[in-house]
C-alpha atoms as a PDB file:
ATOM      1  CA  MET A   1       3.184  -2.689  15.175  1.00  0.00           C
ATOM      2  CA  LYS A   2       5.799  -2.077  12.488  1.00  0.00           C
ATOM      3  CA  ALA A   3       4.641  -2.539   8.905  1.00  0.00           C
ATOM      4  CA  VAL A   4       5.708  -1.732   5.347  1.00  0.00           C
ATOM      5  CA  ILE A   5       2.767   0.034   3.728  1.00  0.00           C
ATOM      6  CA  LEU A   6       2.660   0.705   0.005  1.00  0.00           C
ATOM      7  CA  GLU A   7       0.934   4.071  -0.367  1.00  0.00           C
ATOM      8  CA  LYS A   8       1.824   4.417  -4.054  1.00  0.00           C
ATOM      9  CA  THR A   9       4.131   2.750  -6.549  1.00  0.00           C
ATOM     10  CA  CYS A  10       7.701   3.643  -5.727  1.00  0.00           C
ATOM     11  CA  LYS A  11      11.368   2.750  -5.952  1.00  0.00           C
ATOM     12  CA  ALA A  12      12.867   0.192  -3.591  1.00  0.00           C
ATOM     13  CA  THR A  13      14.713   2.942  -1.750  1.00  0.00           C
ATOM     14  CA  GLU A  14      11.399   4.635  -0.943  1.00  0.00           C
ATOM     15  CA  LEU A  15      10.064   1.706   1.084  1.00  0.00           C
ATOM     16  CA  ALA A  16       9.786   2.683   4.729  1.00  0.00           C
ATOM     17  CA  ILE A  17       8.572   1.358   8.062  1.00  0.00           C
ATOM     18  CA  SER A  18       5.331   2.723   9.506  1.00  0.00           C
ATOM     19  CA  ASN A  19       3.756   2.269  12.936  1.00  0.00           C
ATOM     20  CA  VAL A  20       0.130   1.140  12.692  1.00  0.00           C
ATOM     21  CA  PRO A  21      -2.377  -0.557  15.013  1.00  0.00           C
ATOM     22  CA  VAL A  22      -2.316  -4.338  15.277  1.00  0.00           C
ATOM     23  CA  PRO A  23      -5.280  -5.617  13.186  1.00  0.00           C
ATOM     24  CA  GLU A  24      -8.476  -6.502  15.046  1.00  0.00           C
ATOM     25  CA  VAL A  25      -9.477 -10.146  14.770  1.00  0.00           C
ATOM     26  CA  LYS A  26     -12.761 -11.055  13.052  1.00  0.00           C
ATOM     27  CA  PRO A  27     -14.590 -14.334  12.370  1.00  0.00           C
ATOM     28  CA  GLY A  28     -13.035 -16.404   9.598  1.00  0.00           C
ATOM     29  CA  TRP A  29      -9.647 -14.723  10.063  1.00  0.00           C
ATOM     30  CA  VAL A  30      -6.711 -15.431  12.391  1.00  0.00           C
ATOM     31  CA  LEU A  31      -4.025 -13.125  13.726  1.00  0.00           C
ATOM     32  CA  VAL A  32      -0.508 -14.390  13.005  1.00  0.00           C
ATOM     33  CA  ARG A  33       2.564 -13.088  14.769  1.00  0.00           C
ATOM     34  CA  VAL A  34       4.981 -12.952  11.854  1.00  0.00           C
ATOM     35  CA  LYS A  35       8.396 -14.421  12.542  1.00  0.00           C
ATOM     36  CA  ALA A  36       9.829 -14.215   9.016  1.00  0.00           C
ATOM     37  CA  PHE A  37       8.832 -13.981   5.363  1.00  0.00           C
ATOM     38  CA  GLY A  38      10.322 -14.516   1.949  1.00  0.00           C
ATOM     39  CA  VAL A  39      10.640 -11.716  -0.587  1.00  0.00           C
ATOM     40  CA  ASN A  40       9.049 -12.470  -3.959  1.00  0.00           C
ATOM     41  CA  ARG A  41       9.301 -10.947  -7.404  1.00  0.00           C
ATOM     42  CA  SER A  42       5.548 -10.370  -7.473  1.00  0.00           C
ATOM     43  CA  GLU A  43       6.018  -7.947  -4.562  1.00  0.00           C
ATOM     44  CA  LEU A  44       8.580  -6.001  -6.571  1.00  0.00           C
ATOM     45  CA  ILE A  45       6.106  -5.793  -9.450  1.00  0.00           C
ATOM     46  CA  MET A  46       3.375  -4.680  -7.059  1.00  0.00           C
ATOM     47  CA  ARG A  47       5.629  -2.036  -5.533  1.00  0.00           C
ATOM     48  CA  SER A  48       6.953  -0.660  -8.815  1.00  0.00           C
ATOM     49  CA  VAL A  49       4.105  -1.066 -11.334  1.00  0.00           C
ATOM     50  CA  GLU A  50       1.054  -3.108 -10.400  1.00  0.00           C
ATOM     51  CA  GLY A  51       0.045  -0.893  -7.501  1.00  0.00           C
ATOM     52  CA  ASP A  52      -1.276   1.540 -10.115  1.00  0.00           C
ATOM     53  CA  ALA A  53      -3.632  -1.036 -11.626  1.00  0.00           C
ATOM     54  CA  PRO A  54      -7.361  -0.320 -11.201  1.00  0.00           C
ATOM     55  CA  TYR A  55      -7.958  -3.670  -9.469  1.00  0.00           C
ATOM     56  CA  ILE A  56      -5.463  -2.849  -6.692  1.00  0.00           C
ATOM     57  CA  GLN A  57      -6.598  -0.666  -3.813  1.00  0.00           C
ATOM     58  CA  LEU A  58      -3.812   1.154  -1.993  1.00  0.00           C
ATOM     59  CA  PRO A  59      -2.623   1.633   0.701  1.00  0.00           C
ATOM     60  CA  ARG A  60      -1.698  -1.993   1.234  1.00  0.00           C
ATOM     61  CA  ILE A  61       0.787  -3.894   3.401  1.00  0.00           C
ATOM     62  CA  LEU A  62       2.892  -5.955   0.995  1.00  0.00           C
ATOM     63  CA  GLY A  63       3.764  -9.631   1.327  1.00  0.00           C
ATOM     64  CA  ILE A  64       2.321 -12.823  -0.180  1.00  0.00           C
ATOM     65  CA  GLU A  65       3.732 -15.307   2.359  1.00  0.00           C
ATOM     66  CA  CYS A  66       4.987 -15.633   5.928  1.00  0.00           C
ATOM     67  CA  VAL A  67       5.738 -18.015   8.778  1.00  0.00           C
ATOM     68  CA  GLY A  68       4.889 -17.443  12.399  1.00  0.00           C
ATOM     69  CA  GLU A  69       2.699 -18.270  15.373  1.00  0.00           C
ATOM     70  CA  ILE A  70      -1.027 -17.942  15.922  1.00  0.00           C
ATOM     71  CA  ALA A  71      -1.490 -14.888  18.135  1.00  0.00           C
ATOM     72  CA  ASP A  72      -5.308 -15.075  18.148  1.00  0.00           C
ATOM     73  CA  PRO A  73      -7.076 -18.117  16.638  1.00  0.00           C
ATOM     74  CA  SER A  74     -10.489 -16.382  16.477  1.00  0.00           C
ATOM     75  CA  ASN A  75     -13.087 -19.022  15.520  1.00  0.00           C
ATOM     76  CA  SER A  76     -10.601 -21.288  13.707  1.00  0.00           C
ATOM     77  CA  HIS A  77      -9.324 -24.789  14.509  1.00  0.00           C
ATOM     78  CA  PHE A  78      -5.892 -23.353  15.347  1.00  0.00           C
ATOM     79  CA  SER A  79      -4.581 -22.846  18.869  1.00  0.00           C
ATOM     80  CA  LYS A  80      -2.675 -19.880  20.259  1.00  0.00           C
ATOM     81  CA  GLY A  81       1.064 -20.257  19.738  1.00  0.00           C
ATOM     82  CA  GLN A  82       0.667 -22.868  16.997  1.00  0.00           C
ATOM     83  CA  ARG A  83       3.402 -22.823  14.355  1.00  0.00           C
ATOM     84  CA  VAL A  84       2.003 -21.983  10.896  1.00  0.00           C
ATOM     85  CA  VAL A  85       2.840 -20.923   7.370  1.00  0.00           C
ATOM     86  CA  ALA A  86       0.619 -18.645   5.286  1.00  0.00           C
ATOM     87  CA  LEU A  87       0.600 -17.845   1.585  1.00  0.00           C
ATOM     88  CA  MET A  88      -1.305 -16.594  -1.420  1.00  0.00           C
ATOM     89  CA  GLY A  89      -5.065 -16.277  -1.855  1.00  0.00           C
ATOM     90  CA  GLY A  90      -4.830 -12.486  -2.090  1.00  0.00           C
ATOM     91  CA  MET A  91      -2.229 -11.780   0.612  1.00  0.00           C
ATOM     92  CA  GLY A  92      -0.594  -8.411   0.071  1.00  0.00           C
ATOM     93  CA  ARG A  93      -2.888  -7.684  -2.850  1.00  0.00           C
ATOM     94  CA  SER A  94      -6.584  -8.027  -1.988  1.00  0.00           C
ATOM     95  CA  PHE A  95      -5.876  -7.587   1.726  1.00  0.00           C
ATOM     96  CA  ASP A  96      -2.882  -6.658   3.885  1.00  0.00           C
ATOM     97  CA  GLY A  97       0.001  -9.092   3.785  1.00  0.00           C
ATOM     98  CA  SER A  98       3.074 -10.157   5.696  1.00  0.00           C
ATOM     99  CA  TYR A  99       5.502  -7.213   5.683  1.00  0.00           C
ATOM    100  CA  ALA A 100       4.569  -6.526   9.313  1.00  0.00           C
ATOM    101  CA  GLU A 101       4.930  -7.792  12.864  1.00  0.00           C
ATOM    102  CA  TYR A 102       1.364  -9.148  12.770  1.00  0.00           C
ATOM    103  CA  ALA A 103      -0.850 -10.225   9.879  1.00  0.00           C
ATOM    104  CA  LEU A 104      -4.617 -10.744   9.919  1.00  0.00           C
ATOM    105  CA  LEU A 105      -5.236 -13.579   7.458  1.00  0.00           C
ATOM    106  CA  PRO A 106      -8.159 -15.719   6.268  1.00  0.00           C
ATOM    107  CA  ILE A 107      -8.227 -19.167   7.839  1.00  0.00           C
ATOM    108  CA  SER A 108      -8.054 -20.654   4.327  1.00  0.00           C
ATOM    109  CA  ASN A 109      -4.619 -19.072   3.792  1.00  0.00           C
ATOM    110  CA  VAL A 110      -3.013 -20.432   6.962  1.00  0.00           C
ATOM    111  CA  PHE A 111      -1.563 -23.935   7.379  1.00  0.00           C
ATOM    112  CA  ALA A 112      -0.185 -25.845  10.347  1.00  0.00           C
ATOM    113  CA  VAL A 113       3.392 -27.046  10.007  1.00  0.00           C
ATOM    114  CA  ASP A 114       5.552 -29.439  12.014  1.00  0.00           C
ATOM    115  CA  ILE A 115       9.153 -29.525  10.870  1.00  0.00           C
ATOM    116  CA  ASP A 116      12.461 -28.917  12.628  1.00  0.00           C
ATOM    117  CA  LEU A 117      13.645 -25.772  10.853  1.00  0.00           C
ATOM    118  CA  SER A 118      14.488 -22.288  12.064  1.00  0.00           C
ATOM    119  CA  TRP A 119      11.993 -19.524  11.304  1.00  0.00           C
ATOM    120  CA  GLU A 120      14.372 -18.163   8.675  1.00  0.00           C
ATOM    121  CA  GLU A 121      14.727 -21.535   6.941  1.00  0.00           C
ATOM    122  CA  LEU A 122      10.986 -22.144   7.124  1.00  0.00           C
ATOM    123  CA  ALA A 123      10.308 -18.734   5.558  1.00  0.00           C
ATOM    124  CA  ALA A 124      12.217 -19.784   2.433  1.00  0.00           C
ATOM    125  CA  ILE A 125       9.754 -22.593   1.736  1.00  0.00           C
ATOM    126  CA  PRO A 126       6.022 -21.747   1.412  1.00  0.00           C
ATOM    127  CA  GLU A 127       5.471 -19.950  -1.890  1.00  0.00           C
ATOM    128  CA  THR A 128       8.598 -21.170  -3.699  1.00  0.00           C
ATOM    129  CA  TYR A 129       8.266 -24.850  -2.846  1.00  0.00           C
ATOM    130  CA  PHE A 130       4.494 -24.812  -3.355  1.00  0.00           C
ATOM    131  CA  THR A 131       4.966 -23.436  -6.872  1.00  0.00           C
ATOM    132  CA  ALA A 132       7.880 -25.725  -7.766  1.00  0.00           C
ATOM    133  CA  PHE A 133       6.249 -28.836  -6.272  1.00  0.00           C
ATOM    134  CA  GLY A 134       2.940 -28.177  -8.015  1.00  0.00           C
ATOM    135  CA  SER A 135       4.611 -27.457 -11.347  1.00  0.00           C
ATOM    136  CA  LEU A 136       6.735 -30.601 -11.252  1.00  0.00           C
ATOM    137  CA  PHE A 137       4.489 -33.194  -9.669  1.00  0.00           C
ATOM    138  CA  GLU A 138       0.981 -31.971 -10.459  1.00  0.00           C
ATOM    139  CA  CYS A 139       1.352 -30.436 -13.911  1.00  0.00           C
ATOM    140  CA  LEU A 140       4.390 -32.264 -15.297  1.00  0.00           C
ATOM    141  CA  GLN A 141       3.688 -35.489 -13.347  1.00  0.00           C
ATOM    142  CA  LEU A 142       7.429 -35.892 -12.974  1.00  0.00           C
ATOM    143  CA  THR A 143       8.905 -39.354 -12.388  1.00  0.00           C
ATOM    144  CA  ALA A 144      12.432 -40.673 -11.894  1.00  0.00           C
ATOM    145  CA  SER A 145      12.653 -41.773 -15.538  1.00  0.00           C
ATOM    146  CA  ASP A 146      12.093 -38.250 -16.874  1.00  0.00           C
ATOM    147  CA  LYS A 147      14.637 -36.013 -18.504  1.00  0.00           C
ATOM    148  CA  ILE A 148      13.666 -32.446 -17.622  1.00  0.00           C
ATOM    149  CA  LEU A 149      14.834 -29.066 -18.860  1.00  0.00           C
ATOM    150  CA  ILE A 150      14.436 -26.262 -16.311  1.00  0.00           C
ATOM    151  CA  ARG A 151      14.566 -22.995 -18.190  1.00  0.00           C
ATOM    152  CA  GLY A 152      15.491 -20.123 -15.881  1.00  0.00           C
ATOM    153  CA  GLY A 153      17.359 -22.390 -13.504  1.00  0.00           C
ATOM    154  CA  THR A 154      19.204 -19.767 -11.454  1.00  0.00           C
ATOM    155  CA  SER A 155      16.013 -18.124 -10.216  1.00  0.00           C
ATOM    156  CA  VAL A 156      15.109 -19.268  -6.706  1.00  0.00           C
ATOM    157  CA  LEU A 157      12.188 -21.197  -8.205  1.00  0.00           C
ATOM    158  CA  GLY A 158      14.575 -22.819 -10.680  1.00  0.00           C
ATOM    159  CA  LEU A 159      17.058 -23.777  -7.968  1.00  0.00           C
ATOM    160  CA  VAL A 160      14.306 -25.382  -5.899  1.00  0.00           C
ATOM    161  CA  ALA A 161      12.947 -27.182  -8.981  1.00  0.00           C
ATOM    162  CA  ILE A 162      16.408 -28.638  -9.650  1.00  0.00           C
ATOM    163  CA  GLN A 163      16.583 -29.792  -6.044  1.00  0.00           C
ATOM    164  CA  LEU A 164      13.155 -31.428  -6.137  1.00  0.00           C
ATOM    165  CA  ALA A 165      13.706 -33.100  -9.507  1.00  0.00           C
ATOM    166  CA  LYS A 166      17.078 -34.519  -8.436  1.00  0.00           C
ATOM    167  CA  SER A 167      15.593 -35.760  -5.155  1.00  0.00           C
ATOM    168  CA  ILE A 168      13.563 -38.355  -7.079  1.00  0.00           C
ATOM    169  CA  GLY A 169      16.369 -39.241  -9.487  1.00  0.00           C
ATOM    170  CA  CYS A 170      15.551 -37.298 -12.661  1.00  0.00           C
ATOM    171  CA  SER A 171      18.096 -36.285 -15.266  1.00  0.00           C
ATOM    172  CA  VAL A 172      18.131 -32.477 -15.069  1.00  0.00           C
ATOM    173  CA  LEU A 173      19.228 -29.886 -17.590  1.00  0.00           C
ATOM    174  CA  ALA A 174      19.037 -26.259 -16.461  1.00  0.00           C
ATOM    175  CA  THR A 175      19.675 -22.973 -18.237  1.00  0.00           C
ATOM    176  CA  THR A 176      20.978 -19.539 -17.386  1.00  0.00           C
ATOM    177  CA  ARG A 177      21.598 -16.433 -19.475  1.00  0.00           C
ATOM    178  CA  ASN A 178      24.677 -15.663 -17.352  1.00  0.00           C
ATOM    179  CA  ALA A 179      27.775 -17.745 -18.063  1.00  0.00           C
ATOM    180  CA  GLY A 180      29.053 -16.901 -14.606  1.00  0.00           C
ATOM    181  CA  LYS A 181      26.162 -18.841 -13.057  1.00  0.00           C
ATOM    182  CA  LEU A 182      26.671 -22.157 -14.848  1.00  0.00           C
ATOM    183  CA  GLU A 183      28.631 -23.498 -11.882  1.00  0.00           C
ATOM    184  CA  LEU A 184      25.776 -22.529  -9.537  1.00  0.00           C
ATOM    185  CA  LEU A 185      23.462 -24.821 -11.530  1.00  0.00           C
ATOM    186  CA  ARG A 186      25.937 -27.682 -11.267  1.00  0.00           C
ATOM    187  CA  GLN A 187      26.379 -27.120  -7.529  1.00  0.00           C
ATOM    188  CA  GLN A 188      22.614 -27.305  -7.088  1.00  0.00           C
ATOM    189  CA  GLY A 189      22.612 -30.700  -8.774  1.00  0.00           C
ATOM    190  CA  ALA A 190      21.923 -30.099 -12.468  1.00  0.00           C
ATOM    191  CA  ASP A 191      23.433 -32.813 -14.643  1.00  0.00           C
ATOM    192  CA  CYS A 192      23.867 -30.348 -17.509  1.00  0.00           C
ATOM    193  CA  ALA A 193      24.178 -26.576 -17.170  1.00  0.00           C
ATOM    194  CA  LEU A 194      23.429 -24.760 -20.427  1.00  0.00           C
ATOM    195  CA  LEU A 195      23.927 -21.171 -21.510  1.00  0.00           C
ATOM    196  CA  ASP A 196      20.605 -19.805 -22.754  1.00  0.00           C
ATOM    197  CA  ASP A 197      21.774 -17.939 -25.845  1.00  0.00           C
ATOM    198  CA  GLU A 198      21.359 -18.335 -29.609  1.00  0.00           C
ATOM    199  CA  THR A 199      23.175 -21.693 -29.430  1.00  0.00           C
ATOM    200  CA  LEU A 200      20.755 -23.332 -26.965  1.00  0.00           C
ATOM    201  CA  ALA A 201      18.886 -25.288 -29.642  1.00  0.00           C
ATOM    202  CA  SER A 202      22.102 -26.818 -30.958  1.00  0.00           C
ATOM    203  CA  GLN A 203      23.290 -27.585 -27.410  1.00  0.00           C
ATOM    204  CA  MET A 204      20.024 -29.386 -26.716  1.00  0.00           C
ATOM    205  CA  HIS A 205      20.237 -31.344 -29.983  1.00  0.00           C
ATOM    206  CA  VAL A 206      23.722 -32.610 -29.123  1.00  0.00           C
ATOM    207  CA  ILE A 207      22.682 -33.818 -25.656  1.00  0.00           C
ATOM    208  CA  TYR A 208      19.189 -35.134 -26.427  1.00  0.00           C
ATOM    209  CA  PRO A 209      18.631 -35.206 -30.210  1.00  0.00           C
ATOM    210  CA  ASN A 210      15.153 -36.699 -29.714  1.00  0.00           C
ATOM    211  CA  GLY A 211      14.179 -34.149 -27.073  1.00  0.00           C
ATOM    212  CA  VAL A 212      13.460 -34.238 -23.362  1.00  0.00           C
ATOM    213  CA  SER A 213      10.265 -35.568 -21.784  1.00  0.00           C
ATOM    214  CA  LYS A 214       9.500 -32.512 -19.610  1.00  0.00           C
ATOM    215  CA  VAL A 215      10.219 -28.767 -19.627  1.00  0.00           C
ATOM    216  CA  LEU A 216       9.629 -26.363 -16.758  1.00  0.00           C
ATOM    217  CA  GLU A 217       9.344 -22.970 -18.452  1.00  0.00           C
ATOM    218  CA  LEU A 218      10.249 -20.169 -16.039  1.00  0.00           C
ATOM    219  CA  VAL A 219      11.367 -17.571 -18.594  1.00  0.00           C
ATOM    220  CA  GLY A 220       7.808 -17.483 -19.894  1.00  0.00           C
ATOM    221  CA  PRO A 221       6.126 -16.485 -23.155  1.00  0.00           C
ATOM    222  CA  ALA A 222       9.384 -15.050 -24.491  1.00  0.00           C
ATOM    223  CA  THR A 223      10.821 -18.562 -24.919  1.00  0.00           C
ATOM    224  CA  LEU A 224       7.785 -20.861 -24.677  1.00  0.00           C
ATOM    225  CA  LYS A 225       7.524 -21.659 -28.393  1.00  0.00           C
ATOM    226  CA  GLN A 226      11.156 -22.745 -28.537  1.00  0.00           C
ATOM    227  CA  SER A 227      10.837 -24.758 -25.321  1.00  0.00           C
ATOM    228  CA  MET A 228       7.936 -26.751 -26.773  1.00  0.00           C
ATOM    229  CA  ASN A 229      10.206 -27.765 -29.639  1.00  0.00           C
ATOM    230  CA  PHE A 230      12.732 -29.230 -27.180  1.00  0.00           C
ATOM    231  CA  LEU A 231      10.213 -31.914 -26.197  1.00  0.00           C
ATOM    232  CA  SER A 232      10.069 -35.503 -27.336  1.00  0.00           C
ATOM    233  CA  TYR A 233       6.813 -37.033 -28.540  1.00  0.00           C
ATOM    234  CA  HIS A 234       4.157 -36.817 -25.797  1.00  0.00           C
ATOM    235  CA  GLY A 235       6.427 -34.505 -23.807  1.00  0.00           C
ATOM    236  CA  VAL A 236       4.946 -31.866 -21.513  1.00  0.00           C
ATOM    237  CA  VAL A 237       5.881 -28.246 -20.852  1.00  0.00           C
ATOM    238  CA  CYS A 238       4.643 -26.395 -17.776  1.00  0.00           C
ATOM    239  CA  ALA A 239       4.619 -22.609 -18.096  1.00  0.00           C
ATOM    240  CA  THR A 240       5.030 -21.260 -14.579  1.00  0.00           C
ATOM    241  CA  GLY A 241       7.320 -18.218 -14.585  1.00  0.00           C
ATOM    242  CA  MET A 242       7.729 -14.959 -16.452  1.00  0.00           C
ATOM    243  CA  LEU A 243      11.386 -14.095 -15.952  1.00  0.00           C
ATOM    244  CA  GLY A 244      11.554 -12.796 -19.511  1.00  0.00           C
ATOM    245  CA  ARG A 245       9.114 -10.007 -18.543  1.00  0.00           C
ATOM    246  CA  GLN A 246       6.873 -10.813 -21.504  1.00  0.00           C
ATOM    247  CA  GLY A 247       3.356 -11.602 -20.393  1.00  0.00           C
ATOM    248  CA  THR A 248       1.746 -12.916 -23.568  1.00  0.00           C
ATOM    249  CA  ILE A 249       2.577 -14.343 -27.000  1.00  0.00           C
ATOM    250  CA  GLU A 250       1.307 -12.122 -29.790  1.00  0.00           C
ATOM    251  CA  ASN A 251      -0.750 -13.954 -32.428  1.00  0.00           C
ATOM    252  CA  PHE A 252      -0.355 -17.293 -30.647  1.00  0.00           C
ATOM    253  CA  ASP A 253      -1.943 -20.057 -32.739  1.00  0.00           C
ATOM    254  CA  PRO A 254      -2.281 -23.259 -30.676  1.00  0.00           C
ATOM    255  CA  ILE A 255      -2.719 -25.447 -33.763  1.00  0.00           C
ATOM    256  CA  LYS A 256       0.430 -24.188 -35.472  1.00  0.00           C
ATOM    257  CA  ASP A 257       2.563 -23.270 -32.452  1.00  0.00           C
ATOM    258  CA  ILE A 258       2.137 -26.395 -30.306  1.00  0.00           C
ATOM    259  CA  PRO A 259       4.022 -29.267 -31.965  1.00  0.00           C
ATOM    260  CA  ASN A 260       2.070 -32.452 -32.711  1.00  0.00           C
ATOM    261  CA  GLY A 261       1.944 -34.798 -29.741  1.00  0.00           C
ATOM    262  CA  VAL A 262       3.245 -32.209 -27.269  1.00  0.00           C
ATOM    263  CA  TYR A 263       1.279 -31.020 -24.235  1.00  0.00           C
ATOM    264  CA  LEU A 264       1.143 -27.514 -22.748  1.00  0.00           C
ATOM    265  CA  SER A 265       0.265 -26.993 -19.086  1.00  0.00           C
ATOM    266  CA  SER A 266       0.630 -24.250 -16.459  1.00  0.00           C
ATOM    267  CA  PHE A 267       0.603 -23.899 -12.688  1.00  0.00           C
ATOM    268  CA  PHE A 268      -1.290 -21.150 -10.879  1.00  0.00           C
ATOM    269  CA  SER A 269      -0.139 -20.970  -7.249  1.00  0.00           C
ATOM    270  CA  ASN A 270      -3.103 -19.169  -5.706  1.00  0.00           C
ATOM    271  CA  TYR A 271      -4.889 -22.094  -4.052  1.00  0.00           C
ATOM    272  CA  PRO A 272      -2.778 -24.039  -1.532  1.00  0.00           C
ATOM    273  CA  THR A 273      -4.411 -26.516   0.853  1.00  0.00           C
ATOM    274  CA  GLN A 274      -3.349 -28.128   4.127  1.00  0.00           C
ATOM    275  CA  GLU A 275      -3.169 -31.511   2.389  1.00  0.00           C
ATOM    276  CA  TYR A 276      -0.892 -30.164  -0.310  1.00  0.00           C
ATOM    277  CA  MET A 277       1.369 -28.326   2.132  1.00  0.00           C
ATOM    278  CA  ASN A 278       1.640 -31.562   4.141  1.00  0.00           C
ATOM    279  CA  LYS A 279       2.861 -33.345   0.999  1.00  0.00           C
ATOM    280  CA  ILE A 280       5.534 -30.717   0.424  1.00  0.00           C
ATOM    281  CA  PHE A 281       6.878 -30.809   3.966  1.00  0.00           C
ATOM    282  CA  ALA A 282       6.800 -34.615   3.961  1.00  0.00           C
ATOM    283  CA  HIS A 283       8.929 -34.581   0.799  1.00  0.00           C
ATOM    284  CA  ILE A 284      11.358 -32.100   2.358  1.00  0.00           C
ATOM    285  CA  ARG A 285      11.704 -34.324   5.443  1.00  0.00           C
ATOM    286  CA  GLN A 286      12.023 -37.539   3.424  1.00  0.00           C
ATOM    287  CA  TYR A 287      14.866 -36.243   1.274  1.00  0.00           C
ATOM    288  CA  ASP A 288      16.398 -33.944   3.914  1.00  0.00           C
ATOM    289  CA  LEU A 289      16.207 -30.926   1.620  1.00  0.00           C
ATOM    290  CA  LYS A 290      17.560 -27.520   2.621  1.00  0.00           C
ATOM    291  CA  PRO A 291      16.102 -24.403   0.998  1.00  0.00           C
ATOM    292  CA  PRO A 292      18.609 -22.307  -0.976  1.00  0.00           C
ATOM    293  CA  ILE A 293      18.849 -19.028   0.951  1.00  0.00           C
ATOM    294  CA  ALA A 294      20.739 -16.024  -0.396  1.00  0.00           C
ATOM    295  CA  LYS A 295      20.639 -13.576   2.501  1.00  0.00           C
ATOM    296  CA  PHE A 296      18.726 -12.603   5.636  1.00  0.00           C
ATOM    297  CA  PHE A 297      17.471  -9.076   6.329  1.00  0.00           C
ATOM    298  CA  SER A 298      15.621  -7.360   9.148  1.00  0.00           C
ATOM    299  CA  LEU A 299      12.294  -5.637   8.531  1.00  0.00           C
ATOM    300  CA  ASP A 300      14.051  -2.279   8.877  1.00  0.00           C
ATOM    301  CA  ASP A 301      16.211  -3.242   5.883  1.00  0.00           C
ATOM    302  CA  ILE A 302      13.316  -4.071   3.539  1.00  0.00           C
ATOM    303  CA  ALA A 303      14.570  -1.555   0.945  1.00  0.00           C
ATOM    304  CA  GLU A 304      17.927  -3.349   0.763  1.00  0.00           C
ATOM    305  CA  ALA A 305      16.126  -6.683   0.382  1.00  0.00           C
ATOM    306  CA  HIS A 306      14.177  -5.348  -2.613  1.00  0.00           C
ATOM    307  CA  LEU A 307      17.337  -3.871  -4.131  1.00  0.00           C
ATOM    308  CA  LEU A 308      19.077  -7.244  -3.877  1.00  0.00           C
ATOM    309  CA  MET A 309      16.194  -8.961  -5.663  1.00  0.00           C
ATOM    310  CA  GLU A 310      16.209  -6.309  -8.383  1.00  0.00           C
ATOM    311  CA  SER A 311      19.923  -6.913  -8.940  1.00  0.00           C
ATOM    312  CA  ASN A 312      19.309 -10.558  -9.970  1.00  0.00           C
ATOM    313  CA  ILE A 313      22.455 -11.665  -8.127  1.00  0.00           C
ATOM    314  CA  ALA A 314      20.862 -13.197  -5.031  1.00  0.00           C
ATOM    315  CA  ASN A 315      21.243 -16.893  -6.052  1.00  0.00           C
ATOM    316  CA  GLY A 316      18.640 -18.071  -3.552  1.00  0.00           C
ATOM    317  CA  LYS A 317      15.681 -16.976  -1.439  1.00  0.00           C
ATOM    318  CA  ILE A 318      15.809 -13.574   0.226  1.00  0.00           C
ATOM    319  CA  VAL A 319      14.370 -13.815   3.746  1.00  0.00           C
ATOM    320  CA  VAL A 320      13.297 -11.074   6.148  1.00  0.00           C
ATOM    321  CA  ALA A 321      13.252 -11.971   9.846  1.00  0.00           C
ATOM    322  CA  ILE A 322      11.162 -10.066  12.364  1.00  0.00           C
ATOM    323  CA  ALA A 323      13.056  -9.143  15.524  1.00  0.00           C
ATOM    324  CA  GLU A 324      11.619 -10.348  18.846  1.00  0.00           C
END
């Protein structure tokens, strides 16, 4: 089969296709014929930096999510040819992932799906919608009466979060550091599109002088302290992303840095379940949502797909389809 194997950290242009044996099935694992997969920023980090970390063992086939059909159900409850999605739990990191024509995956990572979408559309959903849905409805407990700020709104996760929040009737503010992308936020449904610069605090004060009830923080530790101060009393911030490329807050003092009566939460997307994936797809069907897709690539063009993500101009999910 064709596969993209990371032998060592490298540039996007150094990614190449290899021919390797199809994995042998073993108990507790199923063989999935990959039809398509989404490209994720964590895979870029793995390819460029994290592959050198002592807890990563290379070589490794990249890819933290995919959609496809069960090629061999092994000892699972699945049947051959069944339509499934797979994500997280160590895919592409602890064991080989989805950048291949076939993927051998733990049963716990694979979920049945029944929805009328193309493989390419379906591939834009698993990891992104799981993370956005969990952040909004599990951690932030979002309701229609909420006013939410989505910081980092033009990321694919931000665009999906806007979509989900608007689907239940929330008032949505979303930020971007690029003035040229303000219209993109409005087109996605944001009620207010804000430029994330030194004037953001004053912009927020004009619109909601008493603060918003919820903040989805996708920029990360670089802006988390400020985001907490945009909240009204008993407001909640969920720290999910790290677009600002800062992993921690130096000398963070919870007592001093978290405002009185404000709550800090986070969403870790490593543990999906069939029940939770069912909720997500039911929501997508109920509100007739369409995933924001930037561009499709073939597996042979994986280097170009990574280059597009690095450019930060994609404006949607980057999807790789596997040729029949």
